[in-house]
Amino acid sequence: MTTPRELSLEQQFSLSSFKLQVDQMSQEQAQQFLVDLYEHMMVRENMYQHFLKHQWGLESSPTQF
């Protein structure tokens, strides 16, 4: 069984393919790609937090008057 830090064979292949794509980018393209990737990671983190709060019933419900 693989630990969370180990990549599956499919993930290793994907990483290798990704590296080839990055190697062909200019420095400016790679820098913009990193900024975009970081933004997507933050959005994904926000979504996970929202879904977990909802699933665990931790969301504050709007106050009704």
Protein backbone atom coordinates (compact mmCIF):
# COMPACT_ATOMS: atom_id res chain seq x y z
CA MET A 1 0.00 0.00 0.00
CA THR A 2 1.31 3.44 -0.88
CA THR A 3 1.66 6.16 1.70
CA PRO A 4 0.18 9.61 0.96
CA ARG A 5 3.65 10.91 0.04
CA GLU A 6 4.23 8.25 -2.62
CA LEU A 7 2.97 8.72 -6.17
CA SER A 8 1.14 6.04 -8.08
CA LEU A 9 2.48 4.94 -11.46
CA GLU A 10 -0.19 7.02 -13.17
CA GLN A 11 0.78 10.08 -11.11
CA GLN A 12 4.45 9.56 -11.93
CA PHE A 13 3.61 9.48 -15.63
CA SER A 14 1.50 12.63 -15.27
CA LEU A 15 4.35 14.38 -13.46
CA SER A 16 6.80 13.39 -16.18
CA SER A 17 4.46 14.73 -18.87
CA PHE A 18 3.96 17.94 -16.89
CA LYS A 19 7.73 18.39 -16.56
CA LEU A 20 8.13 18.13 -20.33
CA GLN A 21 5.51 20.84 -20.82
CA VAL A 22 7.15 23.14 -18.26
CA ASP A 23 10.59 22.59 -19.81
CA GLN A 24 9.23 24.02 -23.06
CA MET A 25 7.87 27.21 -21.45
CA SER A 26 9.65 30.53 -21.45
CA GLN A 27 10.55 31.97 -18.06
CA GLU A 28 7.68 34.46 -18.30
CA GLN A 29 5.21 31.70 -19.18
CA ALA A 30 6.44 29.56 -16.29
CA GLN A 31 6.16 32.45 -13.84
CA GLN A 32 2.60 33.23 -14.92
CA PHE A 33 1.76 29.55 -14.76
CA LEU A 34 2.99 29.39 -11.16
CA VAL A 35 0.87 32.39 -10.16
CA ASP A 36 -2.20 30.85 -11.81
CA LEU A 37 -1.49 27.47 -10.20
CA TYR A 38 -1.17 29.06 -6.76
CA GLU A 39 -4.48 30.86 -7.22
CA HIS A 40 -6.18 27.58 -8.21
CA MET A 41 -4.69 25.87 -5.15
CA MET A 42 -6.13 28.56 -2.87
CA VAL A 43 -9.57 28.29 -4.51
CA ARG A 44 -9.48 24.50 -4.10
CA GLU A 45 -8.53 24.88 -0.43
CA ASN A 46 -11.46 27.27 0.10
CA MET A 47 -13.81 24.78 -1.58
CA TYR A 48 -12.55 21.90 0.60
CA GLN A 49 -13.01 24.00 3.73
CA HIS A 50 -16.53 24.97 2.66
CA PHE A 51 -17.50 21.38 1.85
CA LEU A 52 -16.06 20.04 5.11
CA LYS A 53 -17.81 22.71 7.17
CA HIS A 54 -21.07 21.86 5.41
CA GLN A 55 -20.58 18.10 5.78
CA TRP A 56 -19.68 18.39 9.46
CA GLY A 57 -22.49 20.89 10.18
CA LEU A 58 -20.09 23.66 11.18
CA GLU A 59 -21.52 26.33 8.90
CA SER A 60 -23.22 29.14 10.69
CA SER A 61 -26.80 29.39 9.52
CA PRO A 62 -28.20 32.85 8.75
CA THR A 63 -30.08 34.42 11.63
CA GLN A 64 -33.81 34.52 11.05
CA PHE A 65 -35.92 37.35 12.45
